[in-house]
Amino acid sequence: MHHPVIERELELKLVLSPERSIPVPAKLLYLTDDPYAVHVTFHTGSSTPVNWTFARELLVEGVFRPCGHGDVRIWPVKIDNQTVLCMALSSPDGDALLEAPAGSVSAWLERTLRVVPPGTEAERLGLDDALAALLTPTPADELWLRDPWPSDESADGEL
């Protein structure tokens, strides 16, 4: 089965202070066989990129209003007449505030929503098919269900 991947390369800004930010190349990744999640890879200049995974729904909501708590918080902001998506990420390694171009993120999100519309994610996981396969009786089940054990009840009804 073909599992489409929807990706988008873009440049985010890592906010160091109100006056200073540095560009961070990033890749947004959506895998239809992991339909509830979005993956963001940050290329920070170190040998290993930094990967974050969080709910697609969180990013969709964050385009319109502040949302999230804990490790991932997202909210839209107008800066110089441009809408920017702020992402505050917290981990044991530290905290980061990133700004993403809202238009680019929204366009990418719309592509993911066309491929897997909200509410249809569970169908993508194939849970129904997997459960049906697990619950289908096998020849071994027939043997098991035959009850090879003699009855525990004694002839006179005592236990």
C-alpha atoms as a PDB file:
ATOM      1  CA  MET A   1       0.000   0.000   0.000  1.00  0.00           C
ATOM      2  CA  HIS A   2       1.298   3.433  -0.929  1.00  0.00           C
ATOM      3  CA  HIS A   3       1.734   5.808   2.017  1.00  0.00           C
ATOM      4  CA  PRO A   4       2.034   9.377   0.744  1.00  0.00           C
ATOM      5  CA  VAL A   5       4.461  11.693   2.467  1.00  0.00           C
ATOM      6  CA  ILE A   6       3.787  15.418   2.418  1.00  0.00           C
ATOM      7  CA  GLU A   7       6.857  17.506   3.126  1.00  0.00           C
ATOM      8  CA  ARG A   8       7.847  21.125   2.969  1.00  0.00           C
ATOM      9  CA  GLU A   9      11.230  22.718   3.445  1.00  0.00           C
ATOM     10  CA  LEU A  10      11.157  26.172   4.970  1.00  0.00           C
ATOM     11  CA  GLU A  11      13.221  28.573   6.995  1.00  0.00           C
ATOM     12  CA  LEU A  12      12.196  29.293  10.565  1.00  0.00           C
ATOM     13  CA  LYS A  13      13.663  31.882  12.893  1.00  0.00           C
ATOM     14  CA  LEU A  14      15.048  30.881  16.250  1.00  0.00           C
ATOM     15  CA  VAL A  15      14.328  33.828  18.517  1.00  0.00           C
ATOM     16  CA  LEU A  16      17.304  34.505  20.785  1.00  0.00           C
ATOM     17  CA  SER A  17      16.034  37.825  22.167  1.00  0.00           C
ATOM     18  CA  PRO A  18      13.429  40.412  21.145  1.00  0.00           C
ATOM     19  CA  GLU A  19      16.048  42.030  18.871  1.00  0.00           C
ATOM     20  CA  ARG A  20      17.896  38.959  17.625  1.00  0.00           C
ATOM     21  CA  SER A  21      16.974  35.775  15.783  1.00  0.00           C
ATOM     22  CA  ILE A  22      18.856  33.325  13.601  1.00  0.00           C
ATOM     23  CA  PRO A  23      17.558  31.388  10.578  1.00  0.00           C
ATOM     24  CA  VAL A  24      16.975  27.660  11.051  1.00  0.00           C
ATOM     25  CA  PRO A  25      16.283  25.475   8.024  1.00  0.00           C
ATOM     26  CA  ALA A  26      13.464  23.071   8.820  1.00  0.00           C
ATOM     27  CA  LYS A  27      11.372  20.383   7.189  1.00  0.00           C
ATOM     28  CA  LEU A  28       7.693  19.770   7.888  1.00  0.00           C
ATOM     29  CA  LEU A  29       6.750  16.137   7.362  1.00  0.00           C
ATOM     30  CA  TYR A  30       3.375  14.414   7.373  1.00  0.00           C
ATOM     31  CA  LEU A  31       3.117  10.656   6.939  1.00  0.00           C
ATOM     32  CA  THR A  32      -0.312   9.293   6.095  1.00  0.00           C
ATOM     33  CA  ASP A  33       0.435   6.087   8.001  1.00  0.00           C
ATOM     34  CA  ASP A  34       0.971   8.241  11.141  1.00  0.00           C
ATOM     35  CA  PRO A  35      -2.086  10.418  10.487  1.00  0.00           C
ATOM     36  CA  TYR A  36      -2.486  12.180  13.822  1.00  0.00           C
ATOM     37  CA  ALA A  37       1.078  13.545  13.943  1.00  0.00           C
ATOM     38  CA  VAL A  38       3.240  16.122  12.260  1.00  0.00           C
ATOM     39  CA  HIS A  39       7.018  15.887  12.308  1.00  0.00           C
ATOM     40  CA  VAL A  40       9.338  18.876  12.234  1.00  0.00           C
ATOM     41  CA  THR A  41      13.064  18.484  11.654  1.00  0.00           C
ATOM     42  CA  PHE A  42      15.307  21.418  12.548  1.00  0.00           C
ATOM     43  CA  HIS A  43      18.749  21.610  10.957  1.00  0.00           C
ATOM     44  CA  THR A  44      20.591  23.498  13.650  1.00  0.00           C
ATOM     45  CA  GLY A  45      24.066  23.209  12.206  1.00  0.00           C
ATOM     46  CA  SER A  46      25.059  20.302  14.455  1.00  0.00           C
ATOM     47  CA  SER A  47      25.737  16.904  12.921  1.00  0.00           C
ATOM     48  CA  THR A  48      22.342  15.559  13.981  1.00  0.00           C
ATOM     49  CA  PRO A  49      19.099  17.374  13.221  1.00  0.00           C
ATOM     50  CA  VAL A  50      16.565  17.964  15.984  1.00  0.00           C
ATOM     51  CA  ASN A  51      13.242  16.183  15.473  1.00  0.00           C
ATOM     52  CA  TRP A  52       9.933  17.073  17.072  1.00  0.00           C
ATOM     53  CA  THR A  53       6.639  15.225  16.686  1.00  0.00           C
ATOM     54  CA  PHE A  54       3.309  16.542  17.907  1.00  0.00           C
ATOM     55  CA  ALA A  55      -0.392  16.435  17.073  1.00  0.00           C
ATOM     56  CA  ARG A  56      -1.425  17.765  13.672  1.00  0.00           C
ATOM     57  CA  GLU A  57      -4.560  19.122  15.358  1.00  0.00           C
ATOM     58  CA  LEU A  58      -2.358  21.293  17.600  1.00  0.00           C
ATOM     59  CA  LEU A  59      -0.706  22.909  14.577  1.00  0.00           C
ATOM     60  CA  VAL A  60      -4.063  23.371  12.800  1.00  0.00           C
ATOM     61  CA  GLU A  61      -5.535  25.120  15.840  1.00  0.00           C
ATOM     62  CA  GLY A  62      -2.344  27.129  16.435  1.00  0.00           C
ATOM     63  CA  VAL A  63      -2.711  28.783  13.023  1.00  0.00           C
ATOM     64  CA  PHE A  64      -5.869  30.486  14.351  1.00  0.00           C
ATOM     65  CA  ARG A  65      -5.478  30.852  18.126  1.00  0.00           C
ATOM     66  CA  PRO A  66      -3.054  30.160  20.960  1.00  0.00           C
ATOM     67  CA  CYS A  67      -3.090  26.487  21.900  1.00  0.00           C
ATOM     68  CA  GLY A  68      -1.073  23.802  23.568  1.00  0.00           C
ATOM     69  CA  HIS A  69       0.521  23.566  26.958  1.00  0.00           C
ATOM     70  CA  GLY A  70       3.569  21.822  28.285  1.00  0.00           C
ATOM     71  CA  ASP A  71       6.185  20.880  25.695  1.00  0.00           C
ATOM     72  CA  VAL A  72       4.564  22.451  22.626  1.00  0.00           C
ATOM     73  CA  ARG A  73       2.684  25.763  22.486  1.00  0.00           C
ATOM     74  CA  ILE A  74       1.686  27.456  19.223  1.00  0.00           C
ATOM     75  CA  TRP A  75       0.096  30.843  18.517  1.00  0.00           C
ATOM     76  CA  PRO A  76      -0.262  33.283  15.609  1.00  0.00           C
ATOM     77  CA  VAL A  77       1.216  36.814  15.760  1.00  0.00           C
ATOM     78  CA  LYS A  78       1.176  39.738  13.315  1.00  0.00           C
ATOM     79  CA  ILE A  79       4.649  41.175  12.739  1.00  0.00           C
ATOM     80  CA  ASP A  80       5.040  43.960  10.162  1.00  0.00           C
ATOM     81  CA  ASN A  81       1.686  43.046   8.568  1.00  0.00           C
ATOM     82  CA  GLN A  82       2.804  39.426   8.191  1.00  0.00           C
ATOM     83  CA  THR A  83       1.251  36.589  10.188  1.00  0.00           C
ATOM     84  CA  VAL A  84       3.886  34.525  11.900  1.00  0.00           C
ATOM     85  CA  LEU A  85       3.349  31.255  13.718  1.00  0.00           C
ATOM     86  CA  CYS A  86       5.196  31.140  17.030  1.00  0.00           C
ATOM     87  CA  MET A  87       6.191  27.744  18.390  1.00  0.00           C
ATOM     88  CA  ALA A  88       7.493  27.437  21.923  1.00  0.00           C
ATOM     89  CA  LEU A  89       9.175  24.060  22.409  1.00  0.00           C
ATOM     90  CA  SER A  90      10.371  22.803  25.785  1.00  0.00           C
ATOM     91  CA  SER A  91      12.505  19.749  26.443  1.00  0.00           C
ATOM     92  CA  PRO A  92      14.967  18.595  29.099  1.00  0.00           C
ATOM     93  CA  ASP A  93      17.673  19.951  26.756  1.00  0.00           C
ATOM     94  CA  GLY A  94      16.235  23.469  26.869  1.00  0.00           C
ATOM     95  CA  ASP A  95      13.560  25.747  25.489  1.00  0.00           C
ATOM     96  CA  ALA A  96      13.261  27.303  22.047  1.00  0.00           C
ATOM     97  CA  LEU A  97      10.997  29.933  20.553  1.00  0.00           C
ATOM     98  CA  LEU A  98      10.655  29.635  16.791  1.00  0.00           C
ATOM     99  CA  GLU A  99       8.821  31.747  14.260  1.00  0.00           C
ATOM    100  CA  ALA A 100       7.461  30.181  11.095  1.00  0.00           C
ATOM    101  CA  PRO A 101       5.856  31.881   8.088  1.00  0.00           C
ATOM    102  CA  ALA A 102       2.148  31.236   8.724  1.00  0.00           C
ATOM    103  CA  GLY A 103       1.271  31.181   5.012  1.00  0.00           C
ATOM    104  CA  SER A 104       3.764  28.423   4.214  1.00  0.00           C
ATOM    105  CA  VAL A 105       2.733  26.331   7.213  1.00  0.00           C
ATOM    106  CA  SER A 106      -0.973  26.806   6.420  1.00  0.00           C
ATOM    107  CA  ALA A 107      -0.522  25.810   2.768  1.00  0.00           C
ATOM    108  CA  TRP A 108       1.348  22.660   3.819  1.00  0.00           C
ATOM    109  CA  LEU A 109      -1.288  21.864   6.458  1.00  0.00           C
ATOM    110  CA  GLU A 110      -4.056  22.250   3.868  1.00  0.00           C
ATOM    111  CA  ARG A 111      -2.323  19.638   1.705  1.00  0.00           C
ATOM    112  CA  THR A 112      -2.249  17.222   4.658  1.00  0.00           C
ATOM    113  CA  LEU A 113      -5.934  17.900   5.377  1.00  0.00           C
ATOM    114  CA  ARG A 114      -6.882  17.196   1.751  1.00  0.00           C
ATOM    115  CA  VAL A 115      -5.040  13.868   1.781  1.00  0.00           C
ATOM    116  CA  VAL A 116      -6.340  12.839   5.245  1.00  0.00           C
ATOM    117  CA  PRO A 117      -9.378  14.928   6.195  1.00  0.00           C
ATOM    118  CA  PRO A 118      -9.958  15.527   9.916  1.00  0.00           C
ATOM    119  CA  GLY A 119     -11.983  12.699  11.408  1.00  0.00           C
ATOM    120  CA  THR A 120     -10.695  10.087   8.937  1.00  0.00           C
ATOM    121  CA  GLU A 121      -7.316   9.515  10.609  1.00  0.00           C
ATOM    122  CA  ALA A 122      -8.390   6.276  12.332  1.00  0.00           C
ATOM    123  CA  GLU A 123      -9.246   4.718   8.955  1.00  0.00           C
ATOM    124  CA  ARG A 124      -5.630   5.290   7.907  1.00  0.00           C
ATOM    125  CA  LEU A 125      -4.316   3.274  10.813  1.00  0.00           C
ATOM    126  CA  GLY A 126      -6.060   0.134   9.572  1.00  0.00           C
ATOM    127  CA  LEU A 127      -7.176  -0.718  13.110  1.00  0.00           C
ATOM    128  CA  ASP A 128     -10.427  -2.280  11.932  1.00  0.00           C
ATOM    129  CA  ASP A 129      -8.621  -4.608   9.528  1.00  0.00           C
ATOM    130  CA  ALA A 130      -6.005  -5.484  12.136  1.00  0.00           C
ATOM    131  CA  LEU A 131      -8.679  -6.237  14.747  1.00  0.00           C
ATOM    132  CA  ALA A 132     -10.660  -8.344  12.286  1.00  0.00           C
ATOM    133  CA  ALA A 133      -7.525 -10.348  11.486  1.00  0.00           C
ATOM    134  CA  LEU A 134      -6.799 -10.838  15.192  1.00  0.00           C
ATOM    135  CA  LEU A 135     -10.355 -11.923  15.963  1.00  0.00           C
ATOM    136  CA  THR A 136     -10.783 -14.318  13.023  1.00  0.00           C
ATOM    137  CA  PRO A 137     -10.968 -17.893  14.379  1.00  0.00           C
ATOM    138  CA  THR A 138      -8.134 -20.180  13.349  1.00  0.00           C
ATOM    139  CA  PRO A 139      -8.001 -24.007  13.308  1.00  0.00           C
ATOM    140  CA  ALA A 140      -6.186 -23.858  16.660  1.00  0.00           C
ATOM    141  CA  ASP A 141      -9.120 -21.894  18.118  1.00  0.00           C
ATOM    142  CA  GLU A 142     -11.477 -24.715  17.082  1.00  0.00           C
ATOM    143  CA  LEU A 143      -9.412 -27.198  19.082  1.00  0.00           C
ATOM    144  CA  TRP A 144      -9.334 -24.864  22.054  1.00  0.00           C
ATOM    145  CA  LEU A 145     -13.096 -24.301  21.991  1.00  0.00           C
ATOM    146  CA  ARG A 146     -13.834 -28.046  21.994  1.00  0.00           C
ATOM    147  CA  ASP A 147     -13.400 -28.207  25.789  1.00  0.00           C
ATOM    148  CA  PRO A 148     -11.133 -31.222  26.163  1.00  0.00           C
ATOM    149  CA  TRP A 149     -11.368 -31.097  29.972  1.00  0.00           C
ATOM    150  CA  PRO A 150     -13.766 -33.300  31.857  1.00  0.00           C
ATOM    151  CA  SER A 151     -16.397 -31.501  33.889  1.00  0.00           C
ATOM    152  CA  ASP A 152     -15.328 -30.330  37.335  1.00  0.00           C
ATOM    153  CA  GLU A 153     -18.708 -31.150  38.791  1.00  0.00           C
ATOM    154  CA  SER A 154     -18.900 -34.379  40.714  1.00  0.00           C
ATOM    155  CA  ALA A 155     -21.736 -36.811  40.079  1.00  0.00           C
ATOM    156  CA  ASP A 156     -23.560 -36.016  43.340  1.00  0.00           C
ATOM    157  CA  GLY A 157     -23.507 -32.241  42.860  1.00  0.00           C
ATOM    158  CA  GLU A 158     -20.913 -31.500  45.572  1.00  0.00           C
ATOM    159  CA  LEU A 159     -17.965 -29.228  44.852  1.00  0.00           C
END
